[in-house]
Amino acid sequence: MDFFSSLRVSASGLDAQMKRMNTISSNLANAETTRTEEGGPYKRQDVIVEAQTDRESFGEILNNQMEESVKGVQVVDVHRDERAPRMLYKPEHPDANEEGYVAMPNVNPVQEMANMISANRSYEANASAISTVSQMAQKALELGR
């Protein structure tokens, strides 16, 4: 695998983890949102990440059949969690039903923070890999002098 393939794979990881962190942030920001445009409470979202073969051009596909195992990642969808909302007893809330219960988003802040830490660590690992590849390329250029 060449330097550029390593950089593309790590860059795809950075992009996927950034989208994941943005989605988690949206979930946390809307943890108390009881009204949406669709009606009802906010529904938790999660990104769907899929492996993709690292290919830049058609020529690479023809020339580099040995590197089929090199995989980057790509966000293919943002999935809405269709689980039932949490019902919270708050008779004074304007969105309370006849029994005094409010349909709250199906967002668990503790779970979202754990997911955020995981996404952050993955982002840092990809950034570190890019830094290491950059240092290796720099050393290779120095050796060539």
C-alpha atoms as a PDB file:
ATOM      1  CA  MET A   1       0.000   0.000   0.000  1.00  0.00           C
ATOM      2  CA  ASP A   2       1.378   3.405  -0.945  1.00  0.00           C
ATOM      3  CA  PHE A   3       1.354   6.591   1.095  1.00  0.00           C
ATOM      4  CA  PHE A   4      -1.615   8.049  -0.760  1.00  0.00           C
ATOM      5  CA  SER A   5      -3.772   4.967  -0.173  1.00  0.00           C
ATOM      6  CA  SER A   6      -2.982   5.173   3.537  1.00  0.00           C
ATOM      7  CA  LEU A   7      -3.919   8.842   3.576  1.00  0.00           C
ATOM      8  CA  ARG A   8      -7.197   8.215   1.683  1.00  0.00           C
ATOM      9  CA  VAL A   9      -8.213   5.394   4.053  1.00  0.00           C
ATOM     10  CA  SER A  10      -7.512   7.515   7.129  1.00  0.00           C
ATOM     11  CA  ALA A  11      -9.226  10.536   5.570  1.00  0.00           C
ATOM     12  CA  SER A  12     -12.337   8.431   4.944  1.00  0.00           C
ATOM     13  CA  GLY A  13     -12.247   7.462   8.624  1.00  0.00           C
ATOM     14  CA  LEU A  14     -11.966  11.119   9.656  1.00  0.00           C
ATOM     15  CA  ASP A  15     -14.938  12.021   7.482  1.00  0.00           C
ATOM     16  CA  ALA A  16     -17.096   9.163   8.812  1.00  0.00           C
ATOM     17  CA  GLN A  17     -16.282   9.929  12.455  1.00  0.00           C
ATOM     18  CA  MET A  18     -16.964  13.650  11.937  1.00  0.00           C
ATOM     19  CA  LYS A  19     -20.404  12.823  10.520  1.00  0.00           C
ATOM     20  CA  ARG A  20     -20.970  10.451  13.432  1.00  0.00           C
ATOM     21  CA  MET A  21     -20.023  13.159  15.968  1.00  0.00           C
ATOM     22  CA  ASN A  22     -22.342  15.657  14.241  1.00  0.00           C
ATOM     23  CA  THR A  23     -25.222  13.182  14.419  1.00  0.00           C
ATOM     24  CA  ILE A  24     -24.550  12.458  18.102  1.00  0.00           C
ATOM     25  CA  SER A  25     -24.429  16.207  18.791  1.00  0.00           C
ATOM     26  CA  SER A  26     -27.794  16.583  17.103  1.00  0.00           C
ATOM     27  CA  ASN A  27     -29.195  13.802  19.280  1.00  0.00           C
ATOM     28  CA  LEU A  28     -27.919  15.476  22.449  1.00  0.00           C
ATOM     29  CA  ALA A  29     -29.181  18.894  21.386  1.00  0.00           C
ATOM     30  CA  ASN A  30     -32.663  17.478  20.797  1.00  0.00           C
ATOM     31  CA  ALA A  31     -32.872  15.248  23.886  1.00  0.00           C
ATOM     32  CA  GLU A  32     -35.775  17.370  25.208  1.00  0.00           C
ATOM     33  CA  THR A  33     -37.464  18.271  21.895  1.00  0.00           C
ATOM     34  CA  THR A  34     -41.122  17.273  22.066  1.00  0.00           C
ATOM     35  CA  ARG A  35     -42.276  18.870  18.792  1.00  0.00           C
ATOM     36  CA  THR A  36     -40.854  18.329  15.306  1.00  0.00           C
ATOM     37  CA  GLU A  37     -41.992  19.216  11.805  1.00  0.00           C
ATOM     38  CA  GLU A  38     -43.147  15.619  11.319  1.00  0.00           C
ATOM     39  CA  GLY A  39     -45.113  15.814  14.554  1.00  0.00           C
ATOM     40  CA  GLY A  40     -44.272  14.169  17.842  1.00  0.00           C
ATOM     41  CA  PRO A  41     -40.942  14.066  19.636  1.00  0.00           C
ATOM     42  CA  TYR A  42     -37.488  14.041  18.049  1.00  0.00           C
ATOM     43  CA  LYS A  43     -36.289  10.578  16.992  1.00  0.00           C
ATOM     44  CA  ARG A  44     -32.715   9.557  17.698  1.00  0.00           C
ATOM     45  CA  GLN A  45     -30.464   9.206  14.638  1.00  0.00           C
ATOM     46  CA  ASP A  46     -27.453   7.021  13.990  1.00  0.00           C
ATOM     47  CA  VAL A  47     -25.069   6.829  11.017  1.00  0.00           C
ATOM     48  CA  ILE A  48     -24.643   3.656   8.985  1.00  0.00           C
ATOM     49  CA  VAL A  49     -20.997   3.151   8.019  1.00  0.00           C
ATOM     50  CA  GLU A  50     -19.918   0.748   5.275  1.00  0.00           C
ATOM     51  CA  ALA A  51     -16.496  -0.469   4.153  1.00  0.00           C
ATOM     52  CA  GLN A  52     -15.434   0.534   0.656  1.00  0.00           C
ATOM     53  CA  THR A  53     -12.470  -0.554  -1.405  1.00  0.00           C
ATOM     54  CA  ASP A  54      -9.880   2.201  -1.682  1.00  0.00           C
ATOM     55  CA  ARG A  55      -9.825   3.183  -5.332  1.00  0.00           C
ATOM     56  CA  GLU A  56      -9.075   6.568  -6.791  1.00  0.00           C
ATOM     57  CA  SER A  57      -9.449   5.922 -10.514  1.00  0.00           C
ATOM     58  CA  PHE A  58     -10.294   3.249 -13.074  1.00  0.00           C
ATOM     59  CA  GLY A  59      -6.559   2.807 -13.747  1.00  0.00           C
ATOM     60  CA  GLU A  60      -6.001   1.848 -10.121  1.00  0.00           C
ATOM     61  CA  ILE A  61      -8.689  -0.795 -10.395  1.00  0.00           C
ATOM     62  CA  LEU A  62      -6.880  -2.341 -13.361  1.00  0.00           C
ATOM     63  CA  ASN A  63      -3.335  -2.011 -12.003  1.00  0.00           C
ATOM     64  CA  ASN A  64      -3.670  -2.729  -8.291  1.00  0.00           C
ATOM     65  CA  GLN A  65      -5.643  -5.928  -7.940  1.00  0.00           C
ATOM     66  CA  MET A  66      -3.287  -6.959  -5.104  1.00  0.00           C
ATOM     67  CA  GLU A  67      -4.703  -4.260  -2.825  1.00  0.00           C
ATOM     68  CA  GLU A  68      -8.325  -5.440  -2.813  1.00  0.00           C
ATOM     69  CA  SER A  69      -8.149  -5.862   0.951  1.00  0.00           C
ATOM     70  CA  VAL A  70      -7.474  -2.148   1.573  1.00  0.00           C
ATOM     71  CA  LYS A  71     -10.745  -0.730   2.823  1.00  0.00           C
ATOM     72  CA  GLY A  72     -11.804   2.776   3.696  1.00  0.00           C
ATOM     73  CA  VAL A  73     -15.196   3.690   5.119  1.00  0.00           C
ATOM     74  CA  GLN A  74     -18.139   5.708   3.970  1.00  0.00           C
ATOM     75  CA  VAL A  75     -21.335   6.898   5.643  1.00  0.00           C
ATOM     76  CA  VAL A  76     -24.115   5.444   3.514  1.00  0.00           C
ATOM     77  CA  ASP A  77     -27.170   6.503   5.512  1.00  0.00           C
ATOM     78  CA  VAL A  78     -28.452   8.211   8.622  1.00  0.00           C
ATOM     79  CA  HIS A  79     -30.931   5.868  10.285  1.00  0.00           C
ATOM     80  CA  ARG A  80     -33.838   7.116  12.395  1.00  0.00           C
ATOM     81  CA  ASP A  81     -34.449   5.085  15.531  1.00  0.00           C
ATOM     82  CA  GLU A  82     -38.135   4.177  15.420  1.00  0.00           C
ATOM     83  CA  ARG A  83     -38.351   2.916  18.995  1.00  0.00           C
ATOM     84  CA  ALA A  84     -41.240   4.281  21.019  1.00  0.00           C
ATOM     85  CA  PRO A  85     -40.700   7.585  22.793  1.00  0.00           C
ATOM     86  CA  ARG A  86     -40.184   7.750  26.553  1.00  0.00           C
ATOM     87  CA  MET A  87     -43.372   8.700  28.351  1.00  0.00           C
ATOM     88  CA  LEU A  88     -42.739  11.171  31.160  1.00  0.00           C
ATOM     89  CA  TYR A  89     -45.384  12.313  33.643  1.00  0.00           C
ATOM     90  CA  LYS A  90     -45.515  16.129  33.396  1.00  0.00           C
ATOM     91  CA  PRO A  91     -49.139  17.269  33.511  1.00  0.00           C
ATOM     92  CA  GLU A  92     -48.108  20.959  33.380  1.00  0.00           C
ATOM     93  CA  HIS A  93     -46.260  20.523  30.029  1.00  0.00           C
ATOM     94  CA  PRO A  94     -48.107  21.972  26.996  1.00  0.00           C
ATOM     95  CA  ASP A  95     -47.591  18.715  25.041  1.00  0.00           C
ATOM     96  CA  ALA A  96     -48.988  16.473  27.800  1.00  0.00           C
ATOM     97  CA  ASN A  97     -51.747  14.058  26.816  1.00  0.00           C
ATOM     98  CA  GLU A  98     -55.043  13.612  28.722  1.00  0.00           C
ATOM     99  CA  GLU A  99     -53.339  11.460  31.374  1.00  0.00           C
ATOM    100  CA  GLY A 100     -50.566  14.044  31.910  1.00  0.00           C
ATOM    101  CA  TYR A 101     -47.801  12.140  30.066  1.00  0.00           C
ATOM    102  CA  VAL A 102     -45.439  13.790  27.574  1.00  0.00           C
ATOM    103  CA  ALA A 103     -43.841  11.820  24.723  1.00  0.00           C
ATOM    104  CA  MET A 104     -40.106  12.541  25.059  1.00  0.00           C
ATOM    105  CA  PRO A 105     -37.374  11.704  22.517  1.00  0.00           C
ATOM    106  CA  ASN A 106     -35.859   8.218  22.636  1.00  0.00           C
ATOM    107  CA  VAL A 107     -32.418   9.753  23.331  1.00  0.00           C
ATOM    108  CA  ASN A 108     -30.342   8.475  26.247  1.00  0.00           C
ATOM    109  CA  PRO A 109     -27.729  11.178  27.038  1.00  0.00           C
ATOM    110  CA  VAL A 110     -25.415   8.700  28.800  1.00  0.00           C
ATOM    111  CA  GLN A 111     -25.387   6.392  25.769  1.00  0.00           C
ATOM    112  CA  GLU A 112     -24.864   9.358  23.447  1.00  0.00           C
ATOM    113  CA  MET A 113     -21.880  10.590  25.482  1.00  0.00           C
ATOM    114  CA  ALA A 114     -20.334   7.107  25.377  1.00  0.00           C
ATOM    115  CA  ASN A 115     -20.850   7.096  21.591  1.00  0.00           C
ATOM    116  CA  MET A 116     -19.286  10.569  21.378  1.00  0.00           C
ATOM    117  CA  ILE A 117     -16.196   9.406  23.280  1.00  0.00           C
ATOM    118  CA  SER A 118     -15.898   6.391  20.958  1.00  0.00           C
ATOM    119  CA  ALA A 119     -16.217   8.582  17.839  1.00  0.00           C
ATOM    120  CA  ASN A 120     -13.687  11.046  19.255  1.00  0.00           C
ATOM    121  CA  ARG A 121     -11.151   8.272  19.950  1.00  0.00           C
ATOM    122  CA  SER A 122     -11.619   6.882  16.439  1.00  0.00           C
ATOM    123  CA  TYR A 123     -11.158  10.364  14.985  1.00  0.00           C
ATOM    124  CA  GLU A 124      -7.948  10.823  16.989  1.00  0.00           C
ATOM    125  CA  ALA A 125      -6.641   7.429  15.825  1.00  0.00           C
ATOM    126  CA  ASN A 126      -7.203   8.360  12.174  1.00  0.00           C
ATOM    127  CA  ALA A 127      -5.574  11.767  12.672  1.00  0.00           C
ATOM    128  CA  SER A 128      -2.598  10.044  14.287  1.00  0.00           C
ATOM    129  CA  ALA A 129      -2.343   7.615  11.357  1.00  0.00           C
ATOM    130  CA  ILE A 130      -2.294  10.545   8.906  1.00  0.00           C
ATOM    131  CA  SER A 131       0.427  12.223  10.949  1.00  0.00           C
ATOM    132  CA  THR A 132       2.501   9.028  10.975  1.00  0.00           C
ATOM    133  CA  VAL A 133       2.155   8.527   7.204  1.00  0.00           C
ATOM    134  CA  SER A 134       3.143  12.159   6.690  1.00  0.00           C
ATOM    135  CA  GLN A 135       6.254  11.681   8.865  1.00  0.00           C
ATOM    136  CA  MET A 136       7.156   8.492   6.962  1.00  0.00           C
ATOM    137  CA  ALA A 137       6.839  10.301   3.627  1.00  0.00           C
ATOM    138  CA  GLN A 138       9.006  13.138   4.953  1.00  0.00           C
ATOM    139  CA  LYS A 139      11.707  10.660   6.073  1.00  0.00           C
ATOM    140  CA  ALA A 140      11.579   8.894   2.723  1.00  0.00           C
ATOM    141  CA  LEU A 141      12.186  12.218   0.957  1.00  0.00           C
ATOM    142  CA  GLU A 142      15.103  12.978   3.298  1.00  0.00           C
ATOM    143  CA  LEU A 143      16.663   9.569   2.529  1.00  0.00           C
ATOM    144  CA  GLY A 144      16.395  10.289  -1.199  1.00  0.00           C
ATOM    145  CA  ARG A 145      18.617  13.397  -0.986  1.00  0.00           C
END
